[in-house]
Amino acid sequence: MDVLDLAWSSNGEYLASCSIDSRVLLWNMKSRTAMMTPMRVLTGHSNWVKGVAWDPVGRFLASASEDRRVIIWRAQDWGIEAEIAAPYSPAPQFALSCWDTRAL
């Protein structure tokens, strides 16, 4: 499993990880035995999950994926609170030469 991002909950009890297998894993860090197996596996993305972030209070976890969606998960029951799939606009394409002597 190639982990792409990690995020600690605000109380330090939980760790969320995401990877190229399209899943978000939640780890209970309260005990050593619980750290060996994820307490929950969140599935909902169809491509790499590139980032995870907790809200400051720890009620929600957001995951962002290469499938161009952000999913907001409820920490209470790990159900989906919201999905954001607004169209992404491509970044402007430009090239900059290291030999360009004009002022930027």
PDB file of N, CA and C in Angstrom:
ATOM      1  N   MET A   1       0.848  -1.167   0.000  1.00  0.00           N
ATOM      2  CA  MET A   1       0.000   0.000   0.000  1.00  0.00           C
ATOM      3  C   MET A   1       0.899   1.238   0.000  1.00  0.00           C
ATOM      4  N   ASP A   2       0.716   2.097  -0.970  1.00  0.00           N
ATOM      5  CA  ASP A   2       1.451   3.356  -1.040  1.00  0.00           C
ATOM      6  C   ASP A   2       0.622   4.454  -0.399  1.00  0.00           C
ATOM      7  N   VAL A   3       1.042   4.912   0.755  1.00  0.00           N
ATOM      8  CA  VAL A   3       0.325   5.951   1.487  1.00  0.00           C
ATOM      9  C   VAL A   3       0.685   7.310   0.886  1.00  0.00           C
ATOM     10  N   LEU A   4      -0.336   8.106   0.600  1.00  0.00           N
ATOM     11  CA  LEU A   4      -0.128   9.416   0.004  1.00  0.00           C
ATOM     12  C   LEU A   4      -0.274  10.560   0.994  1.00  0.00           C
ATOM     13  N   ASP A   5      -1.043  10.349   2.081  1.00  0.00           N
ATOM     14  CA  ASP A   5      -1.235  11.417   3.055  1.00  0.00           C
ATOM     15  C   ASP A   5      -1.683  10.807   4.384  1.00  0.00           C
ATOM     16  N   LEU A   6      -1.393  11.532   5.461  1.00  0.00           N
ATOM     17  CA  LEU A   6      -1.800  11.160   6.813  1.00  0.00           C
ATOM     18  C   LEU A   6      -2.364  12.395   7.502  1.00  0.00           C
ATOM     19  N   ALA A   7      -3.304  12.191   8.421  1.00  0.00           N
ATOM     20  CA  ALA A   7      -3.835  13.309   9.207  1.00  0.00           C
ATOM     21  C   ALA A   7      -4.259  12.800  10.581  1.00  0.00           C
ATOM     22  N   TRP A   8      -3.772  13.469  11.621  1.00  0.00           N
ATOM     23  CA  TRP A   8      -4.155  13.156  13.007  1.00  0.00           C
ATOM     24  C   TRP A   8      -5.438  13.889  13.364  1.00  0.00           C
ATOM     25  N   SER A   9      -6.308  13.235  14.127  1.00  0.00           N
ATOM     26  CA  SER A   9      -7.474  13.922  14.681  1.00  0.00           C
ATOM     27  C   SER A   9      -6.991  14.933  15.714  1.00  0.00           C
ATOM     28  N   SER A  10      -7.814  15.918  16.022  1.00  0.00           N
ATOM     29  CA  SER A  10      -7.396  16.994  16.933  1.00  0.00           C
ATOM     30  C   SER A  10      -7.089  16.483  18.338  1.00  0.00           C
ATOM     31  N   ASN A  11      -7.730  15.387  18.749  1.00  0.00           N
ATOM     32  CA  ASN A  11      -7.465  14.839  20.085  1.00  0.00           C
ATOM     33  C   ASN A  11      -6.316  13.821  20.087  1.00  0.00           C
ATOM     34  N   GLY A  12      -5.753  13.530  18.919  1.00  0.00           N
ATOM     35  CA  GLY A  12      -4.619  12.626  18.820  1.00  0.00           C
ATOM     36  C   GLY A  12      -4.955  11.150  18.961  1.00  0.00           C
ATOM     37  N   GLU A  13      -6.231  10.818  19.009  1.00  0.00           N
ATOM     38  CA  GLU A  13      -6.620   9.422  19.191  1.00  0.00           C
ATOM     39  C   GLU A  13      -6.714   8.644  17.878  1.00  0.00           C
ATOM     40  N   TYR A  14      -6.935   9.348  16.779  1.00  0.00           N
ATOM     41  CA  TYR A  14      -7.150   8.685  15.501  1.00  0.00           C
ATOM     42  C   TYR A  14      -6.202   9.228  14.440  1.00  0.00           C
ATOM     43  N   LEU A  15      -5.832   8.345  13.539  1.00  0.00           N
ATOM     44  CA  LEU A  15      -4.994   8.711  12.407  1.00  0.00           C
ATOM     45  C   LEU A  15      -5.716   8.256  11.144  1.00  0.00           C
ATOM     46  N   ALA A  16      -5.844   9.150  10.187  1.00  0.00           N
ATOM     47  CA  ALA A  16      -6.436   8.798   8.897  1.00  0.00           C
ATOM     48  C   ALA A  16      -5.304   8.724   7.876  1.00  0.00           C
ATOM     49  N   SER A  17      -5.364   7.705   7.033  1.00  0.00           N
ATOM     50  CA  SER A  17      -4.384   7.572   5.958  1.00  0.00           C
ATOM     51  C   SER A  17      -5.124   7.326   4.652  1.00  0.00           C
ATOM     52  N   CYS A  18      -4.497   7.704   3.561  1.00  0.00           N
ATOM     53  CA  CYS A  18      -5.090   7.450   2.249  1.00  0.00           C
ATOM     54  C   CYS A  18      -3.995   6.989   1.306  1.00  0.00           C
ATOM     55  N   SER A  19      -4.418   6.304   0.245  1.00  0.00           N
ATOM     56  CA  SER A  19      -3.424   5.705  -0.635  1.00  0.00           C
ATOM     57  C   SER A  19      -3.954   5.541  -2.051  1.00  0.00           C
ATOM     58  N   ILE A  20      -3.120   4.901  -2.863  1.00  0.00           N
ATOM     59  CA  ILE A  20      -3.468   4.719  -4.272  1.00  0.00           C
ATOM     60  C   ILE A  20      -4.534   3.646  -4.482  1.00  0.00           C
ATOM     61  N   ASP A  21      -4.939   2.948  -3.433  1.00  0.00           N
ATOM     62  CA  ASP A  21      -5.956   1.904  -3.587  1.00  0.00           C
ATOM     63  C   ASP A  21      -7.381   2.443  -3.453  1.00  0.00           C
ATOM     64  N   SER A  22      -7.537   3.762  -3.488  1.00  0.00           N
ATOM     65  CA  SER A  22      -8.853   4.434  -3.465  1.00  0.00           C
ATOM     66  C   SER A  22      -9.567   4.346  -2.129  1.00  0.00           C
ATOM     67  N   ARG A  23      -8.835   4.024  -1.064  1.00  0.00           N
ATOM     68  CA  ARG A  23      -9.473   3.877   0.249  1.00  0.00           C
ATOM     69  C   ARG A  23      -8.872   4.851   1.256  1.00  0.00           C
ATOM     70  N   VAL A  24      -9.677   5.142   2.272  1.00  0.00           N
ATOM     71  CA  VAL A  24      -9.219   5.896   3.438  1.00  0.00           C
ATOM     72  C   VAL A  24      -9.263   4.924   4.610  1.00  0.00           C
ATOM     73  N   LEU A  25      -8.141   4.802   5.317  1.00  0.00           N
ATOM     74  CA  LEU A  25      -8.079   3.923   6.472  1.00  0.00           C
ATOM     75  C   LEU A  25      -8.035   4.756   7.739  1.00  0.00           C
ATOM     76  N   LEU A  26      -8.788   4.337   8.744  1.00  0.00           N
ATOM     77  CA  LEU A  26      -8.809   5.012  10.034  1.00  0.00           C
ATOM     78  C   LEU A  26      -8.180   4.098  11.069  1.00  0.00           C
ATOM     79  N   TRP A  27      -7.248   4.653  11.817  1.00  0.00           N
ATOM     80  CA  TRP A  27      -6.490   3.894  12.799  1.00  0.00           C
ATOM     81  C   TRP A  27      -6.778   4.437  14.189  1.00  0.00           C
ATOM     82  N   ASN A  28      -7.078   3.543  15.117  1.00  0.00           N
ATOM     83  CA  ASN A  28      -7.293   3.899  16.509  1.00  0.00           C
ATOM     84  C   ASN A  28      -5.936   3.831  17.199  1.00  0.00           C
ATOM     85  N   MET A  29      -5.424   4.949  17.638  1.00  0.00           N
ATOM     86  CA  MET A  29      -4.085   4.998  18.201  1.00  0.00           C
ATOM     87  C   MET A  29      -4.084   4.906  19.726  1.00  0.00           C
ATOM     88  N   LYS A  30      -5.199   4.495  20.318  1.00  0.00           N
ATOM     89  CA  LYS A  30      -5.301   4.407  21.774  1.00  0.00           C
ATOM     90  C   LYS A  30      -4.491   3.257  22.350  1.00  0.00           C
ATOM     91  N   SER A  31      -4.375   2.156  21.611  1.00  0.00           N
ATOM     92  CA  SER A  31      -3.638   1.014  22.139  1.00  0.00           C
ATOM     93  C   SER A  31      -2.750   0.414  21.057  1.00  0.00           C
ATOM     94  N   ARG A  32      -1.713  -0.250  21.484  1.00  0.00           N
ATOM     95  CA  ARG A  32      -0.775  -0.852  20.531  1.00  0.00           C
ATOM     96  C   ARG A  32      -1.438  -1.916  19.656  1.00  0.00           C
ATOM     97  N   THR A  33      -2.312  -2.728  20.232  1.00  0.00           N
ATOM     98  CA  THR A  33      -2.943  -3.780  19.442  1.00  0.00           C
ATOM     99  C   THR A  33      -3.885  -3.206  18.391  1.00  0.00           C
ATOM    100  N   ALA A  34      -4.547  -2.121  18.713  1.00  0.00           N
ATOM    101  CA  ALA A  34      -5.467  -1.494  17.758  1.00  0.00           C
ATOM    102  C   ALA A  34      -4.719  -0.861  16.591  1.00  0.00           C
ATOM    103  N   MET A  35      -3.444  -0.521  16.779  1.00  0.00           N
ATOM    104  CA  MET A  35      -2.669   0.120  15.724  1.00  0.00           C
ATOM    105  C   MET A  35      -2.317  -0.836  14.588  1.00  0.00           C
ATOM    106  N   MET A  36      -2.445  -2.126  14.799  1.00  0.00           N
ATOM    107  CA  MET A  36      -2.040  -3.097  13.793  1.00  0.00           C
ATOM    108  C   MET A  36      -3.084  -3.282  12.686  1.00  0.00           C
ATOM    109  N   THR A  37      -4.322  -2.987  12.990  1.00  0.00           N
ATOM    110  CA  THR A  37      -5.416  -3.175  12.040  1.00  0.00           C
ATOM    111  C   THR A  37      -6.258  -1.905  12.003  1.00  0.00           C
ATOM    112  N   PRO A  38      -6.629  -1.437  10.822  1.00  0.00           N
ATOM    113  CA  PRO A  38      -7.475  -0.234  10.787  1.00  0.00           C
ATOM    114  C   PRO A  38      -8.821  -0.488  11.449  1.00  0.00           C
ATOM    115  N   MET A  39      -9.312   0.520  12.157  1.00  0.00           N
ATOM    116  CA  MET A  39     -10.615   0.384  12.808  1.00  0.00           C
ATOM    117  C   MET A  39     -11.756   0.539  11.809  1.00  0.00           C
ATOM    118  N   ARG A  40     -11.479   1.199  10.686  1.00  0.00           N
ATOM    119  CA  ARG A  40     -12.517   1.420   9.672  1.00  0.00           C
ATOM    120  C   ARG A  40     -11.838   1.648   8.324  1.00  0.00           C
ATOM    121  N   VAL A  41     -12.476   1.157   7.279  1.00  0.00           N
ATOM    122  CA  VAL A  41     -12.014   1.402   5.911  1.00  0.00           C
ATOM    123  C   VAL A  41     -13.140   2.133   5.202  1.00  0.00           C
ATOM    124  N   LEU A  42     -12.854   3.332   4.725  1.00  0.00           N
ATOM    125  CA  LEU A  42     -13.860   4.136   4.035  1.00  0.00           C
ATOM    126  C   LEU A  42     -13.661   3.986   2.533  1.00  0.00           C
ATOM    127  N   THR A  43     -14.717   3.554   1.871  1.00  0.00           N
ATOM    128  CA  THR A  43     -14.674   3.416   0.414  1.00  0.00           C
ATOM    129  C   THR A  43     -15.732   4.336  -0.171  1.00  0.00           C
ATOM    130  N   GLY A  44     -15.434   4.943  -1.249  1.00  0.00           N
ATOM    131  CA  GLY A  44     -16.366   5.871  -1.879  1.00  0.00           C
ATOM    132  C   GLY A  44     -15.718   6.557  -3.065  1.00  0.00           C
ATOM    133  N   HIS A  45     -14.416   6.511  -3.112  1.00  0.00           N
ATOM    134  CA  HIS A  45     -13.688   7.095  -4.242  1.00  0.00           C
ATOM    135  C   HIS A  45     -13.422   6.023  -5.288  1.00  0.00           C
ATOM    136  N   SER A  46     -13.255   6.460  -6.524  1.00  0.00           N
ATOM    137  CA  SER A  46     -12.991   5.521  -7.620  1.00  0.00           C
ATOM    138  C   SER A  46     -11.578   5.662  -8.172  1.00  0.00           C
ATOM    139  N   ASN A  47     -10.759   6.444  -7.514  1.00  0.00           N
ATOM    140  CA  ASN A  47      -9.379   6.622  -7.955  1.00  0.00           C
ATOM    141  C   ASN A  47      -8.539   6.963  -6.730  1.00  0.00           C
ATOM    142  N   TRP A  48      -7.252   7.186  -6.928  1.00  0.00           N
ATOM    143  CA  TRP A  48      -6.332   7.480  -5.827  1.00  0.00           C
ATOM    144  C   TRP A  48      -6.915   8.517  -4.884  1.00  0.00           C
ATOM    145  N   VAL A  49      -6.765   8.296  -3.613  1.00  0.00           N
ATOM    146  CA  VAL A  49      -7.120   9.317  -2.627  1.00  0.00           C
ATOM    147  C   VAL A  49      -5.822  10.035  -2.282  1.00  0.00           C
ATOM    148  N   LYS A  50      -5.785  11.323  -2.580  1.00  0.00           N
ATOM    149  CA  LYS A  50      -4.540  12.084  -2.499  1.00  0.00           C
ATOM    150  C   LYS A  50      -4.375  12.883  -1.221  1.00  0.00           C
ATOM    151  N   GLY A  51      -5.463  13.079  -0.476  1.00  0.00           N
ATOM    152  CA  GLY A  51      -5.340  13.874   0.737  1.00  0.00           C
ATOM    153  C   GLY A  51      -6.486  13.636   1.696  1.00  0.00           C
ATOM    154  N   VAL A  52      -6.179  13.780   2.994  1.00  0.00           N
ATOM    155  CA  VAL A  52      -7.187  13.687   4.047  1.00  0.00           C
ATOM    156  C   VAL A  52      -6.952  14.824   5.033  1.00  0.00           C
ATOM    157  N   ALA A  53      -8.044  15.325   5.630  1.00  0.00           N
ATOM    158  CA  ALA A  53      -7.936  16.402   6.616  1.00  0.00           C
ATOM    159  C   ALA A  53      -9.141  16.347   7.549  1.00  0.00           C
ATOM    160  N   TRP A  54      -8.868  16.518   8.840  1.00  0.00           N
ATOM    161  CA  TRP A  54      -9.925  16.573   9.853  1.00  0.00           C
ATOM    162  C   TRP A  54     -10.373  18.012  10.035  1.00  0.00           C
ATOM    163  N   ASP A  55     -11.648  18.197  10.399  1.00  0.00           N
ATOM    164  CA  ASP A  55     -12.068  19.534  10.815  1.00  0.00           C
ATOM    165  C   ASP A  55     -11.481  19.778  12.208  1.00  0.00           C
ATOM    166  N   PRO A  56     -11.358  21.025  12.653  1.00  0.00           N
ATOM    167  CA  PRO A  56     -10.685  21.321  13.925  1.00  0.00           C
ATOM    168  C   PRO A  56     -11.316  20.657  15.153  1.00  0.00           C
ATOM    169  N   VAL A  57     -12.600  20.370  15.108  1.00  0.00           N
ATOM    170  CA  VAL A  57     -13.281  19.775  16.252  1.00  0.00           C
ATOM    171  C   VAL A  57     -13.251  18.243  16.187  1.00  0.00           C
ATOM    172  N   GLY A  58     -13.011  17.680  15.019  1.00  0.00           N
ATOM    173  CA  GLY A  58     -12.958  16.228  14.860  1.00  0.00           C
ATOM    174  C   GLY A  58     -14.277  15.576  14.524  1.00  0.00           C
ATOM    175  N   ARG A  59     -15.256  16.371  14.108  1.00  0.00           N
ATOM    176  CA  ARG A  59     -16.564  15.808  13.754  1.00  0.00           C
ATOM    177  C   ARG A  59     -16.611  15.287  12.326  1.00  0.00           C
ATOM    178  N   PHE A  60     -15.718  15.787  11.469  1.00  0.00           N
ATOM    179  CA  PHE A  60     -15.725  15.413  10.055  1.00  0.00           C
ATOM    180  C   PHE A  60     -14.308  15.151   9.566  1.00  0.00           C
ATOM    181  N   LEU A  61     -14.231  14.304   8.550  1.00  0.00           N
ATOM    182  CA  LEU A  61     -12.980  14.025   7.861  1.00  0.00           C
ATOM    183  C   LEU A  61     -13.239  14.236   6.377  1.00  0.00           C
ATOM    184  N   ALA A  62     -12.368  14.974   5.719  1.00  0.00           N
ATOM    185  CA  ALA A  62     -12.494  15.206   4.279  1.00  0.00           C
ATOM    186  C   ALA A  62     -11.433  14.386   3.556  1.00  0.00           C
ATOM    187  N   SER A  63     -11.819  13.821   2.418  1.00  0.00           N
ATOM    188  CA  SER A  63     -10.868  13.105   1.571  1.00  0.00           C
ATOM    189  C   SER A  63     -10.982  13.636   0.148  1.00  0.00           C
ATOM    190  N   ALA A  64      -9.844  13.853  -0.483  1.00  0.00           N
ATOM    191  CA  ALA A  64      -9.798  14.369  -1.851  1.00  0.00           C
ATOM    192  C   ALA A  64      -9.129  13.335  -2.737  1.00  0.00           C
ATOM    193  N   SER A  65      -9.719  13.112  -3.895  1.00  0.00           N
ATOM    194  CA  SER A  65      -9.263  12.023  -4.750  1.00  0.00           C
ATOM    195  C   SER A  65      -8.960  12.487  -6.164  1.00  0.00           C
ATOM    196  N   GLU A  66      -8.205  11.650  -6.840  1.00  0.00           N
ATOM    197  CA  GLU A  66      -7.924  11.847  -8.261  1.00  0.00           C
ATOM    198  C   GLU A  66      -9.198  11.693  -9.088  1.00  0.00           C
ATOM    199  N   ASP A  67     -10.269  11.162  -8.503  1.00  0.00           N
ATOM    200  CA  ASP A  67     -11.547  11.066  -9.212  1.00  0.00           C
ATOM    201  C   ASP A  67     -12.273  12.408  -9.269  1.00  0.00           C
ATOM    202  N   ARG A  68     -11.584  13.454  -8.805  1.00  0.00           N
ATOM    203  CA  ARG A  68     -12.083  14.841  -8.842  1.00  0.00           C
ATOM    204  C   ARG A  68     -13.270  15.064  -7.911  1.00  0.00           C
ATOM    205  N   ARG A  69     -13.252  14.337  -6.789  1.00  0.00           N
ATOM    206  CA  ARG A  69     -14.299  14.531  -5.794  1.00  0.00           C
ATOM    207  C   ARG A  69     -13.675  14.684  -4.420  1.00  0.00           C
ATOM    208  N   VAL A  70     -14.365  15.457  -3.601  1.00  0.00           N
ATOM    209  CA  VAL A  70     -14.048  15.552  -2.177  1.00  0.00           C
ATOM    210  C   VAL A  70     -15.237  14.964  -1.440  1.00  0.00           C
ATOM    211  N   ILE A  71     -14.954  14.046  -0.527  1.00  0.00           N
ATOM    212  CA  ILE A  71     -16.018  13.450   0.276  1.00  0.00           C
ATOM    213  C   ILE A  71     -15.822  13.899   1.721  1.00  0.00           C
ATOM    214  N   ILE A  72     -16.901  14.366   2.328  1.00  0.00           N
ATOM    215  CA  ILE A  72     -16.906  14.741   3.736  1.00  0.00           C
ATOM    216  C   ILE A  72     -17.573  13.601   4.501  1.00  0.00           C
ATOM    217  N   TRP A  73     -16.816  12.979   5.394  1.00  0.00           N
ATOM    218  CA  TRP A  73     -17.283  11.833   6.184  1.00  0.00           C
ATOM    219  C   TRP A  73     -17.642  12.288   7.599  1.00  0.00           C
ATOM    220  N   ARG A  74     -18.764  11.805   8.129  1.00  0.00           N
ATOM    221  CA  ARG A  74     -19.159  12.071   9.514  1.00  0.00           C
ATOM    222  C   ARG A  74     -18.389  11.130  10.435  1.00  0.00           C
ATOM    223  N   ALA A  75     -17.695  11.658  11.417  1.00  0.00           N
ATOM    224  CA  ALA A  75     -16.953  10.823  12.361  1.00  0.00           C
ATOM    225  C   ALA A  75     -17.895  10.059  13.291  1.00  0.00           C
ATOM    226  N   GLN A  76     -19.117  10.515  13.437  1.00  0.00           N
ATOM    227  CA  GLN A  76     -20.079   9.863  14.329  1.00  0.00           C
ATOM    228  C   GLN A  76     -20.386   8.434  13.871  1.00  0.00           C
ATOM    229  N   ASP A  77     -20.609   8.258  12.552  1.00  0.00           N
ATOM    230  CA  ASP A  77     -20.968   6.929  12.037  1.00  0.00           C
ATOM    231  C   ASP A  77     -20.208   6.575  10.760  1.00  0.00           C
ATOM    232  N   TRP A  78     -19.320   7.433  10.313  1.00  0.00           N
ATOM    233  CA  TRP A  78     -18.501   7.287   9.104  1.00  0.00           C
ATOM    234  C   TRP A  78     -19.326   7.210   7.831  1.00  0.00           C
ATOM    235  N   GLY A  79     -20.526   7.775   7.888  1.00  0.00           N
ATOM    236  CA  GLY A  79     -21.323   7.915   6.680  1.00  0.00           C
ATOM    237  C   GLY A  79     -20.896   9.160   5.921  1.00  0.00           C
ATOM    238  N   ILE A  80     -21.364   9.276   4.701  1.00  0.00           N
ATOM    239  CA  ILE A  80     -21.022  10.432   3.865  1.00  0.00           C
ATOM    240  C   ILE A  80     -21.954  11.582   4.206  1.00  0.00           C
ATOM    241  N   GLU A  81     -21.372  12.687   4.619  1.00  0.00           N
ATOM    242  CA  GLU A  81     -22.122  13.916   4.907  1.00  0.00           C
ATOM    243  C   GLU A  81     -22.362  14.702   3.621  1.00  0.00           C
ATOM    244  N   ALA A  82     -21.349  14.777   2.775  1.00  0.00           N
ATOM    245  CA  ALA A  82     -21.463  15.548   1.535  1.00  0.00           C
ATOM    246  C   ALA A  82     -20.410  15.074   0.547  1.00  0.00           C
ATOM    247  N   GLU A  83     -20.716  15.291  -0.727  1.00  0.00           N
ATOM    248  CA  GLU A  83     -19.760  15.040  -1.801  1.00  0.00           C
ATOM    249  C   GLU A  83     -19.666  16.298  -2.642  1.00  0.00           C
ATOM    250  N   ILE A  84     -18.467  16.672  -2.944  1.00  0.00           N
ATOM    251  CA  ILE A  84     -18.242  17.852  -3.773  1.00  0.00           C
ATOM    252  C   ILE A  84     -17.582  17.369  -5.059  1.00  0.00           C
ATOM    253  N   ALA A  85     -18.273  17.591  -6.157  1.00  0.00           N
ATOM    254  CA  ALA A  85     -17.761  17.129  -7.442  1.00  0.00           C
ATOM    255  C   ALA A  85     -17.876  18.242  -8.473  1.00  0.00           C
ATOM    256  N   ALA A  86     -17.650  19.468  -8.018  1.00  0.00           N
ATOM    257  CA  ALA A  86     -17.714  20.609  -8.936  1.00  0.00           C
ATOM    258  C   ALA A  86     -16.668  20.434 -10.019  1.00  0.00           C
ATOM    259  N   PRO A  87     -16.982  20.855 -11.223  1.00  0.00           N
ATOM    260  CA  PRO A  87     -16.006  20.690 -12.305  1.00  0.00           C
ATOM    261  C   PRO A  87     -14.711  21.453 -12.010  1.00  0.00           C
ATOM    262  N   TYR A  88     -13.643  20.785 -12.248  1.00  0.00           N
ATOM    263  CA  TYR A  88     -12.333  21.419 -12.103  1.00  0.00           C
ATOM    264  C   TYR A  88     -11.960  22.030 -13.440  1.00  0.00           C
ATOM    265  N   SER A  89     -11.416  23.221 -13.403  1.00  0.00           N
ATOM    266  CA  SER A  89     -10.938  23.813 -14.657  1.00  0.00           C
ATOM    267  C   SER A  89      -9.447  23.523 -14.765  1.00  0.00           C
ATOM    268  N   PRO A  90      -8.989  23.225 -15.960  1.00  0.00           N
ATOM    269  CA  PRO A  90      -7.567  22.915 -16.113  1.00  0.00           C
ATOM    270  C   PRO A  90      -6.701  24.131 -15.808  1.00  0.00           C
ATOM    271  N   ALA A  91      -5.537  23.873 -15.273  1.00  0.00           N
ATOM    272  CA  ALA A  91      -4.589  24.954 -14.982  1.00  0.00           C
ATOM    273  C   ALA A  91      -4.089  25.545 -16.293  1.00  0.00           C
ATOM    274  N   PRO A  92      -3.828  26.839 -16.311  1.00  0.00           N
ATOM    275  CA  PRO A  92      -3.306  27.429 -17.551  1.00  0.00           C
ATOM    276  C   PRO A  92      -1.945  26.820 -17.884  1.00  0.00           C
ATOM    277  N   GLN A  93      -1.733  26.605 -19.151  1.00  0.00           N
ATOM    278  CA  GLN A  93      -0.480  26.025 -19.621  1.00  0.00           C
ATOM    279  C   GLN A  93       0.428  27.142 -20.131  1.00  0.00           C
ATOM    280  N   PHE A  94       1.637  27.158 -19.644  1.00  0.00           N
ATOM    281  CA  PHE A  94       2.614  28.104 -20.141  1.00  0.00           C
ATOM    282  C   PHE A  94       3.997  27.528 -19.925  1.00  0.00           C
ATOM    283  N   ALA A  95       4.931  28.064 -20.665  1.00  0.00           N
ATOM    284  CA  ALA A  95       6.313  27.597 -20.538  1.00  0.00           C
ATOM    285  C   ALA A  95       7.196  28.797 -20.224  1.00  0.00           C
ATOM    286  N   LEU A  96       8.177  28.576 -19.415  1.00  0.00           N
ATOM    287  CA  LEU A  96       9.115  29.627 -19.061  1.00  0.00           C
ATOM    288  C   LEU A  96      10.510  29.092 -19.323  1.00  0.00           C
ATOM    289  N   SER A  97      11.230  29.813 -20.131  1.00  0.00           N
ATOM    290  CA  SER A  97      12.578  29.379 -20.468  1.00  0.00           C
ATOM    291  C   SER A  97      13.570  29.973 -19.483  1.00  0.00           C
ATOM    292  N   CYS A  98      14.555  29.187 -19.088  1.00  0.00           N
ATOM    293  CA  CYS A  98      15.575  29.720 -18.192  1.00  0.00           C
ATOM    294  C   CYS A  98      16.491  30.694 -18.924  1.00  0.00           C
ATOM    295  N   TRP A  99      16.357  30.738 -20.246  1.00  0.00           N
ATOM    296  CA  TRP A  99      17.187  31.667 -21.044  1.00  0.00           C
ATOM    297  C   TRP A  99      16.456  32.955 -21.331  1.00  0.00           C
ATOM    298  N   ASP A 100      15.246  33.072 -20.859  1.00  0.00           N
ATOM    299  CA  ASP A 100      14.454  34.287 -21.090  1.00  0.00           C
ATOM    300  C   ASP A 100      15.005  35.389 -20.179  1.00  0.00           C
ATOM    301  N   THR A 101      15.496  36.450 -20.785  1.00  0.00           N
ATOM    302  CA  THR A 101      16.122  37.536 -20.007  1.00  0.00           C
ATOM    303  C   THR A 101      15.155  38.660 -19.693  1.00  0.00           C
ATOM    304  N   ARG A 102      13.919  38.553 -20.132  1.00  0.00           N
ATOM    305  CA  ARG A 102      12.970  39.607 -19.821  1.00  0.00           C
ATOM    306  C   ARG A 102      12.614  39.577 -18.343  1.00  0.00           C
ATOM    307  N   ALA A 103      12.316  40.729 -17.796  1.00  0.00           N
ATOM    308  CA  ALA A 103      11.911  40.813 -16.380  1.00  0.00           C
ATOM    309  C   ALA A 103      10.545  40.167 -16.218  1.00  0.00           C
ATOM    310  N   LEU A 104      10.367  39.453 -15.153  1.00  0.00           N
ATOM    311  CA  LEU A 104       9.067  38.803 -14.894  1.00  0.00           C
ATOM    312  C   LEU A 104       8.127  39.737 -14.216  1.00  0.00           C
TER     313      LEU A 104
END
